[in-house]
Amino acid sequence: MVTMTTSTPDPGGQTISPHTGALLVDRRNGKVGVVMGHVGPYVQLRPPRGGREWDVPPEDVRPPTPTEELSAKVAVANRRWGR
């Protein structure tokens, strides 16, 4: 299990401590990503369907909305079925 060294408050005041495998949204561009770990102060996210990881400052991540989470899970399922 990987945790960040610093926690991040979301707009509701809750603290986000992302663990490997958690879904988060990059506030800078709205992209949903899976937490792969962290390097230094950054959270490393990867697209749910796979691809290149990108670094996000911890203050720029937030939990996904139910719609964003469902969309990411559907994308992963579609990939498994070759769609």
PDB file of N, CA and C in Angstrom:
ATOM      1  N   MET A   1       0.839  -1.166   0.000  1.00  0.00           N
ATOM      2  CA  MET A   1       0.000   0.000   0.000  1.00  0.00           C
ATOM      3  C   MET A   1       0.891   1.239   0.000  1.00  0.00           C
ATOM      4  N   VAL A   2       0.589   2.171  -0.881  1.00  0.00           N
ATOM      5  CA  VAL A   2       1.347   3.410  -0.975  1.00  0.00           C
ATOM      6  C   VAL A   2       0.469   4.550  -0.510  1.00  0.00           C
ATOM      7  N   THR A   3       0.989   5.360   0.370  1.00  0.00           N
ATOM      8  CA  THR A   3       0.257   6.549   0.800  1.00  0.00           C
ATOM      9  C   THR A   3       1.131   7.763   0.557  1.00  0.00           C
ATOM     10  N   MET A   4       0.502   8.898   0.449  1.00  0.00           N
ATOM     11  CA  MET A   4       1.246  10.132   0.256  1.00  0.00           C
ATOM     12  C   MET A   4       1.807  10.593   1.586  1.00  0.00           C
ATOM     13  N   THR A   5       2.877  11.342   1.501  1.00  0.00           N
ATOM     14  CA  THR A   5       3.458  11.871   2.722  1.00  0.00           C
ATOM     15  C   THR A   5       2.658  13.058   3.246  1.00  0.00           C
ATOM     16  N   THR A   6       1.908  13.718   2.354  1.00  0.00           N
ATOM     17  CA  THR A   6       1.050  14.815   2.790  1.00  0.00           C
ATOM     18  C   THR A   6      -0.366  14.530   2.338  1.00  0.00           C
ATOM     19  N   SER A   7      -1.310  14.833   3.176  1.00  0.00           N
ATOM     20  CA  SER A   7      -2.714  14.648   2.835  1.00  0.00           C
ATOM     21  C   SER A   7      -3.235  15.900   2.151  1.00  0.00           C
ATOM     22  N   THR A   8      -4.274  15.723   1.370  1.00  0.00           N
ATOM     23  CA  THR A   8      -4.834  16.827   0.606  1.00  0.00           C
ATOM     24  C   THR A   8      -6.290  17.029   0.980  1.00  0.00           C
ATOM     25  N   PRO A   9      -6.676  18.257   1.394  1.00  0.00           N
ATOM     26  CA  PRO A   9      -8.098  18.491   1.661  1.00  0.00           C
ATOM     27  C   PRO A   9      -8.854  18.719   0.357  1.00  0.00           C
ATOM     28  N   ASP A  10     -10.029  18.111   0.234  1.00  0.00           N
ATOM     29  CA  ASP A  10     -10.871  18.363  -0.943  1.00  0.00           C
ATOM     30  C   ASP A  10     -11.747  19.575  -0.639  1.00  0.00           C
ATOM     31  N   PRO A  11     -12.548  20.052  -1.610  1.00  0.00           N
ATOM     32  CA  PRO A  11     -13.356  21.251  -1.363  1.00  0.00           C
ATOM     33  C   PRO A  11     -14.316  21.123  -0.178  1.00  0.00           C
ATOM     34  N   GLY A  12     -14.731  19.899   0.143  1.00  0.00           N
ATOM     35  CA  GLY A  12     -15.625  19.694   1.276  1.00  0.00           C
ATOM     36  C   GLY A  12     -14.896  19.638   2.598  1.00  0.00           C
ATOM     37  N   GLY A  13     -13.566  19.785   2.565  1.00  0.00           N
ATOM     38  CA  GLY A  13     -12.786  19.771   3.788  1.00  0.00           C
ATOM     39  C   GLY A  13     -12.309  18.393   4.206  1.00  0.00           C
ATOM     40  N   GLN A  14     -12.674  17.346   3.431  1.00  0.00           N
ATOM     41  CA  GLN A  14     -12.213  16.003   3.759  1.00  0.00           C
ATOM     42  C   GLN A  14     -10.776  15.839   3.278  1.00  0.00           C
ATOM     43  N   THR A  15     -10.042  14.981   3.956  1.00  0.00           N
ATOM     44  CA  THR A  15      -8.656  14.747   3.594  1.00  0.00           C
ATOM     45  C   THR A  15      -8.563  13.572   2.639  1.00  0.00           C
ATOM     46  N   ILE A  16      -7.808  13.766   1.563  1.00  0.00           N
ATOM     47  CA  ILE A  16      -7.592  12.714   0.578  1.00  0.00           C
ATOM     48  C   ILE A  16      -6.201  12.136   0.806  1.00  0.00           C
ATOM     49  N   SER A  17      -6.116  10.868   1.090  1.00  0.00           N
ATOM     50  CA  SER A  17      -4.849  10.157   1.177  1.00  0.00           C
ATOM     51  C   SER A  17      -4.937   8.996   0.202  1.00  0.00           C
ATOM     52  N   PRO A  18      -4.614   9.233  -1.063  1.00  0.00           N
ATOM     53  CA  PRO A  18      -4.826   8.208  -2.073  1.00  0.00           C
ATOM     54  C   PRO A  18      -3.916   7.000  -1.891  1.00  0.00           C
ATOM     55  N   HIS A  19      -4.501   5.860  -2.090  1.00  0.00           N
ATOM     56  CA  HIS A  19      -3.776   4.601  -2.039  1.00  0.00           C
ATOM     57  C   HIS A  19      -3.646   4.068  -3.451  1.00  0.00           C
ATOM     58  N   THR A  20      -2.670   3.226  -3.674  1.00  0.00           N
ATOM     59  CA  THR A  20      -2.489   2.615  -4.979  1.00  0.00           C
ATOM     60  C   THR A  20      -3.784   1.940  -5.406  1.00  0.00           C
ATOM     61  N   GLY A  21      -4.203   2.207  -6.642  1.00  0.00           N
ATOM     62  CA  GLY A  21      -5.424   1.623  -7.179  1.00  0.00           C
ATOM     63  C   GLY A  21      -6.647   2.498  -7.051  1.00  0.00           C
ATOM     64  N   ALA A  22      -6.560   3.571  -6.251  1.00  0.00           N
ATOM     65  CA  ALA A  22      -7.702   4.472  -6.084  1.00  0.00           C
ATOM     66  C   ALA A  22      -7.891   5.310  -7.343  1.00  0.00           C
ATOM     67  N   LEU A  23      -9.131   5.675  -7.627  1.00  0.00           N
ATOM     68  CA  LEU A  23      -9.438   6.579  -8.731  1.00  0.00           C
ATOM     69  C   LEU A  23      -9.441   8.009  -8.211  1.00  0.00           C
ATOM     70  N   LEU A  24      -8.777   8.906  -8.923  1.00  0.00           N
ATOM     71  CA  LEU A  24      -8.772  10.323  -8.590  1.00  0.00           C
ATOM     72  C   LEU A  24      -8.896  11.127  -9.877  1.00  0.00           C
ATOM     73  N   VAL A  25      -9.254  12.380  -9.731  1.00  0.00           N
ATOM     74  CA  VAL A  25      -9.367  13.283 -10.873  1.00  0.00           C
ATOM     75  C   VAL A  25      -8.311  14.368 -10.737  1.00  0.00           C
ATOM     76  N   ASP A  26      -7.626  14.631 -11.837  1.00  0.00           N
ATOM     77  CA  ASP A  26      -6.670  15.727 -11.913  1.00  0.00           C
ATOM     78  C   ASP A  26      -7.484  16.999 -12.134  1.00  0.00           C
ATOM     79  N   ARG A  27      -7.510  17.885 -11.159  1.00  0.00           N
ATOM     80  CA  ARG A  27      -8.307  19.115 -11.251  1.00  0.00           C
ATOM     81  C   ARG A  27      -7.832  20.028 -12.378  1.00  0.00           C
ATOM     82  N   ARG A  28      -6.581  19.891 -12.776  1.00  0.00           N
ATOM     83  CA  ARG A  28      -6.037  20.784 -13.796  1.00  0.00           C
ATOM     84  C   ARG A  28      -6.628  20.525 -15.174  1.00  0.00           C
ATOM     85  N   ASN A  29      -6.952  19.247 -15.455  1.00  0.00           N
ATOM     86  CA  ASN A  29      -7.444  18.927 -16.799  1.00  0.00           C
ATOM     87  C   ASN A  29      -8.708  18.062 -16.792  1.00  0.00           C
ATOM     88  N   GLY A  30      -9.178  17.661 -15.608  1.00  0.00           N
ATOM     89  CA  GLY A  30     -10.404  16.877 -15.501  1.00  0.00           C
ATOM     90  C   GLY A  30     -10.253  15.409 -15.837  1.00  0.00           C
ATOM     91  N   LYS A  31      -9.018  14.944 -16.057  1.00  0.00           N
ATOM     92  CA  LYS A  31      -8.800  13.542 -16.404  1.00  0.00           C
ATOM     93  C   LYS A  31      -8.856  12.649 -15.167  1.00  0.00           C
ATOM     94  N   VAL A  32      -9.522  11.509 -15.312  1.00  0.00           N
ATOM     95  CA  VAL A  32      -9.592  10.505 -14.243  1.00  0.00           C
ATOM     96  C   VAL A  32      -8.381   9.599 -14.373  1.00  0.00           C
ATOM     97  N   GLY A  33      -7.777   9.264 -13.259  1.00  0.00           N
ATOM     98  CA  GLY A  33      -6.631   8.377 -13.279  1.00  0.00           C
ATOM     99  C   GLY A  33      -6.623   7.446 -12.087  1.00  0.00           C
ATOM    100  N   VAL A  34      -5.888   6.358 -12.236  1.00  0.00           N
ATOM    101  CA  VAL A  34      -5.684   5.384 -11.171  1.00  0.00           C
ATOM    102  C   VAL A  34      -4.355   5.723 -10.496  1.00  0.00           C
ATOM    103  N   VAL A  35      -4.362   5.786  -9.180  1.00  0.00           N
ATOM    104  CA  VAL A  35      -3.136   6.078  -8.443  1.00  0.00           C
ATOM    105  C   VAL A  35      -2.175   4.895  -8.585  1.00  0.00           C
ATOM    106  N   MET A  36      -0.982   5.203  -9.105  1.00  0.00           N
ATOM    107  CA  MET A  36       0.046   4.180  -9.263  1.00  0.00           C
ATOM    108  C   MET A  36       1.090   4.271  -8.154  1.00  0.00           C
ATOM    109  N   GLY A  37       1.106   5.388  -7.453  1.00  0.00           N
ATOM    110  CA  GLY A  37       2.073   5.607  -6.380  1.00  0.00           C
ATOM    111  C   GLY A  37       2.347   7.090  -6.266  1.00  0.00           C
ATOM    112  N   HIS A  38       3.502   7.408  -5.700  1.00  0.00           N
ATOM    113  CA  HIS A  38       3.906   8.805  -5.631  1.00  0.00           C
ATOM    114  C   HIS A  38       5.417   8.886  -5.684  1.00  0.00           C
ATOM    115  N   VAL A  39       5.879   9.989  -6.235  1.00  0.00           N
ATOM    116  CA  VAL A  39       7.307  10.266  -6.304  1.00  0.00           C
ATOM    117  C   VAL A  39       7.495  11.673  -5.774  1.00  0.00           C
ATOM    118  N   GLY A  40       8.265  11.793  -4.721  1.00  0.00           N
ATOM    119  CA  GLY A  40       8.430  13.094  -4.096  1.00  0.00           C
ATOM    120  C   GLY A  40       7.075  13.599  -3.653  1.00  0.00           C
ATOM    121  N   PRO A  41       6.758  14.842  -3.976  1.00  0.00           N
ATOM    122  CA  PRO A  41       5.474  15.392  -3.545  1.00  0.00           C
ATOM    123  C   PRO A  41       4.318  15.058  -4.486  1.00  0.00           C
ATOM    124  N   TYR A  42       4.588  14.388  -5.610  1.00  0.00           N
ATOM    125  CA  TYR A  42       3.568  14.183  -6.630  1.00  0.00           C
ATOM    126  C   TYR A  42       2.857  12.841  -6.534  1.00  0.00           C
ATOM    127  N   VAL A  43       1.573  12.853  -6.907  1.00  0.00           N
ATOM    128  CA  VAL A  43       0.784  11.637  -7.052  1.00  0.00           C
ATOM    129  C   VAL A  43       0.928  11.212  -8.506  1.00  0.00           C
ATOM    130  N   GLN A  44       1.200   9.938  -8.741  1.00  0.00           N
ATOM    131  CA  GLN A  44       1.307   9.452 -10.110  1.00  0.00           C
ATOM    132  C   GLN A  44      -0.004   8.787 -10.496  1.00  0.00           C
ATOM    133  N   LEU A  45      -0.627   9.311 -11.569  1.00  0.00           N
ATOM    134  CA  LEU A  45      -1.875   8.769 -12.078  1.00  0.00           C
ATOM    135  C   LEU A  45      -1.642   8.139 -13.447  1.00  0.00           C
ATOM    136  N   ARG A  46      -2.438   7.130 -13.754  1.00  0.00           N
ATOM    137  CA  ARG A  46      -2.410   6.484 -15.067  1.00  0.00           C
ATOM    138  C   ARG A  46      -3.854   6.378 -15.542  1.00  0.00           C
ATOM    139  N   PRO A  47      -4.105   6.583 -16.846  1.00  0.00           N
ATOM    140  CA  PRO A  47      -5.471   6.428 -17.340  1.00  0.00           C
ATOM    141  C   PRO A  47      -6.017   5.043 -16.988  1.00  0.00           C
ATOM    142  N   PRO A  48      -7.301   4.925 -16.661  1.00  0.00           N
ATOM    143  CA  PRO A  48      -7.874   3.629 -16.282  1.00  0.00           C
ATOM    144  C   PRO A  48      -7.703   2.550 -17.357  1.00  0.00           C
ATOM    145  N   ARG A  49      -7.683   2.939 -18.614  1.00  0.00           N
ATOM    146  CA  ARG A  49      -7.527   1.967 -19.707  1.00  0.00           C
ATOM    147  C   ARG A  49      -6.070   1.643 -19.980  1.00  0.00           C
ATOM    148  N   GLY A  50      -5.154   2.241 -19.222  1.00  0.00           N
ATOM    149  CA  GLY A  50      -3.728   2.032 -19.434  1.00  0.00           C
ATOM    150  C   GLY A  50      -3.133   3.210 -20.169  1.00  0.00           C
ATOM    151  N   GLY A  51      -1.826   3.257 -20.199  1.00  0.00           N
ATOM    152  CA  GLY A  51      -1.148   4.346 -20.880  1.00  0.00           C
ATOM    153  C   GLY A  51      -0.077   4.956 -20.007  1.00  0.00           C
ATOM    154  N   ARG A  52       0.367   6.115 -20.420  1.00  0.00           N
ATOM    155  CA  ARG A  52       1.466   6.795 -19.748  1.00  0.00           C
ATOM    156  C   ARG A  52       0.997   7.468 -18.460  1.00  0.00           C
ATOM    157  N   GLU A  53       1.795   7.304 -17.414  1.00  0.00           N
ATOM    158  CA  GLU A  53       1.509   7.960 -16.136  1.00  0.00           C
ATOM    159  C   GLU A  53       1.844   9.442 -16.224  1.00  0.00           C
ATOM    160  N   TRP A  54       1.177  10.225 -15.373  1.00  0.00           N
ATOM    161  CA  TRP A  54       1.524  11.634 -15.262  1.00  0.00           C
ATOM    162  C   TRP A  54       1.529  12.014 -13.794  1.00  0.00           C
ATOM    163  N   ASP A  55       2.305  13.029 -13.484  1.00  0.00           N
ATOM    164  CA  ASP A  55       2.451  13.504 -12.104  1.00  0.00           C
ATOM    165  C   ASP A  55       1.488  14.646 -11.829  1.00  0.00           C
ATOM    166  N   VAL A  56       0.891  14.604 -10.640  1.00  0.00           N
ATOM    167  CA  VAL A  56      -0.060  15.639 -10.238  1.00  0.00           C
ATOM    168  C   VAL A  56       0.299  16.101  -8.829  1.00  0.00           C
ATOM    169  N   PRO A  57       0.394  17.413  -8.610  1.00  0.00           N
ATOM    170  CA  PRO A  57       0.592  17.889  -7.242  1.00  0.00           C
ATOM    171  C   PRO A  57      -0.595  17.445  -6.379  1.00  0.00           C
ATOM    172  N   PRO A  58      -0.358  17.055  -5.145  1.00  0.00           N
ATOM    173  CA  PRO A  58      -1.441  16.534  -4.301  1.00  0.00           C
ATOM    174  C   PRO A  58      -2.599  17.509  -4.106  1.00  0.00           C
ATOM    175  N   GLU A  59      -2.341  18.807  -4.191  1.00  0.00           N
ATOM    176  CA  GLU A  59      -3.429  19.764  -4.028  1.00  0.00           C
ATOM    177  C   GLU A  59      -4.333  19.834  -5.262  1.00  0.00           C
ATOM    178  N   ASP A  60      -3.911  19.200  -6.354  1.00  0.00           N
ATOM    179  CA  ASP A  60      -4.685  19.224  -7.598  1.00  0.00           C
ATOM    180  C   ASP A  60      -5.426  17.924  -7.882  1.00  0.00           C
ATOM    181  N   VAL A  61      -5.613  17.069  -6.882  1.00  0.00           N
ATOM    182  CA  VAL A  61      -6.411  15.854  -7.072  1.00  0.00           C
ATOM    183  C   VAL A  61      -7.676  15.930  -6.229  1.00  0.00           C
ATOM    184  N   ARG A  62      -8.698  15.242  -6.711  1.00  0.00           N
ATOM    185  CA  ARG A  62      -9.962  15.171  -5.964  1.00  0.00           C
ATOM    186  C   ARG A  62     -10.586  13.815  -6.248  1.00  0.00           C
ATOM    187  N   PRO A  63     -11.500  13.391  -5.391  1.00  0.00           N
ATOM    188  CA  PRO A  63     -12.213  12.139  -5.663  1.00  0.00           C
ATOM    189  C   PRO A  63     -13.118  12.315  -6.885  1.00  0.00           C
ATOM    190  N   PRO A  64     -13.349  11.255  -7.644  1.00  0.00           N
ATOM    191  CA  PRO A  64     -14.249  11.369  -8.792  1.00  0.00           C
ATOM    192  C   PRO A  64     -15.703  11.457  -8.343  1.00  0.00           C
ATOM    193  N   THR A  65     -16.513  12.082  -9.187  1.00  0.00           N
ATOM    194  CA  THR A  65     -17.958  12.068  -8.955  1.00  0.00           C
ATOM    195  C   THR A  65     -18.442  10.654  -9.284  1.00  0.00           C
ATOM    196  N   PRO A  66     -19.633  10.269  -8.859  1.00  0.00           N
ATOM    197  CA  PRO A  66     -20.150   8.942  -9.225  1.00  0.00           C
ATOM    198  C   PRO A  66     -20.172   8.727 -10.745  1.00  0.00           C
ATOM    199  N   THR A  67     -20.496   9.769 -11.498  1.00  0.00           N
ATOM    200  CA  THR A  67     -20.526   9.659 -12.961  1.00  0.00           C
ATOM    201  C   THR A  67     -19.131   9.414 -13.520  1.00  0.00           C
ATOM    202  N   GLU A  68     -18.131  10.144 -13.024  1.00  0.00           N
ATOM    203  CA  GLU A  68     -16.753   9.970 -13.493  1.00  0.00           C
ATOM    204  C   GLU A  68     -16.235   8.579 -13.153  1.00  0.00           C
ATOM    205  N   GLU A  69     -16.574   8.098 -11.955  1.00  0.00           N
ATOM    206  CA  GLU A  69     -16.127   6.769 -11.536  1.00  0.00           C
ATOM    207  C   GLU A  69     -16.755   5.687 -12.407  1.00  0.00           C
ATOM    208  N   LEU A  70     -18.045   5.794 -12.663  1.00  0.00           N
ATOM    209  CA  LEU A  70     -18.721   4.811 -13.496  1.00  0.00           C
ATOM    210  C   LEU A  70     -18.158   4.819 -14.915  1.00  0.00           C
ATOM    211  N   SER A  71     -17.925   5.990 -15.459  1.00  0.00           N
ATOM    212  CA  SER A  71     -17.374   6.105 -16.804  1.00  0.00           C
ATOM    213  C   SER A  71     -16.009   5.424 -16.902  1.00  0.00           C
ATOM    214  N   ALA A  72     -15.161   5.621 -15.891  1.00  0.00           N
ATOM    215  CA  ALA A  72     -13.841   4.994 -15.883  1.00  0.00           C
ATOM    216  C   ALA A  72     -13.957   3.472 -15.805  1.00  0.00           C
ATOM    217  N   LYS A  73     -14.875   2.983 -14.989  1.00  0.00           N
ATOM    218  CA  LYS A  73     -15.049   1.538 -14.848  1.00  0.00           C
ATOM    219  C   LYS A  73     -15.606   0.922 -16.128  1.00  0.00           C
ATOM    220  N   VAL A  74     -16.500   1.625 -16.813  1.00  0.00           N
ATOM    221  CA  VAL A  74     -17.030   1.134 -18.091  1.00  0.00           C
ATOM    222  C   VAL A  74     -15.913   1.084 -19.130  1.00  0.00           C
ATOM    223  N   ALA A  75     -15.051   2.083 -19.157  1.00  0.00           N
ATOM    224  CA  ALA A  75     -13.935   2.093 -20.102  1.00  0.00           C
ATOM    225  C   ALA A  75     -13.021   0.889 -19.888  1.00  0.00           C
ATOM    226  N   VAL A  76     -12.762   0.557 -18.630  1.00  0.00           N
ATOM    227  CA  VAL A  76     -11.922  -0.609 -18.326  1.00  0.00           C
ATOM    228  C   VAL A  76     -12.619  -1.891 -18.768  1.00  0.00           C
ATOM    229  N   ALA A  77     -13.906  -2.012 -18.490  1.00  0.00           N
ATOM    230  CA  ALA A  77     -14.660  -3.205 -18.884  1.00  0.00           C
ATOM    231  C   ALA A  77     -14.701  -3.332 -20.408  1.00  0.00           C
ATOM    232  N   ASN A  78     -14.912  -2.237 -21.110  1.00  0.00           N
ATOM    233  CA  ASN A  78     -14.932  -2.279 -22.570  1.00  0.00           C
ATOM    234  C   ASN A  78     -13.588  -2.724 -23.129  1.00  0.00           C
ATOM    235  N   ARG A  79     -12.515  -2.312 -22.502  1.00  0.00           N
ATOM    236  CA  ARG A  79     -11.179  -2.720 -22.958  1.00  0.00           C
ATOM    237  C   ARG A  79     -11.013  -4.233 -22.816  1.00  0.00           C
ATOM    238  N   ARG A  80     -11.501  -4.776 -21.699  1.00  0.00           N
ATOM    239  CA  ARG A  80     -11.401  -6.230 -21.494  1.00  0.00           C
ATOM    240  C   ARG A  80     -12.157  -7.005 -22.575  1.00  0.00           C
ATOM    241  N   TRP A  81     -13.258  -6.427 -23.050  1.00  0.00           N
ATOM    242  CA  TRP A  81     -14.075  -7.097 -24.043  1.00  0.00           C
ATOM    243  C   TRP A  81     -13.712  -6.687 -25.464  1.00  0.00           C
ATOM    244  N   GLY A  82     -12.633  -5.919 -25.614  1.00  0.00           N
ATOM    245  CA  GLY A  82     -12.147  -5.571 -26.936  1.00  0.00           C
ATOM    246  C   GLY A  82     -12.970  -4.544 -27.682  1.00  0.00           C
ATOM    247  N   ARG A  83     -13.613  -3.660 -26.946  1.00  0.00           N
ATOM    248  CA  ARG A  83     -14.441  -2.635 -27.600  1.00  0.00           C
ATOM    249  C   ARG A  83     -13.764  -1.306 -27.599  1.00  0.00           C
TER     250      ARG A  83
END
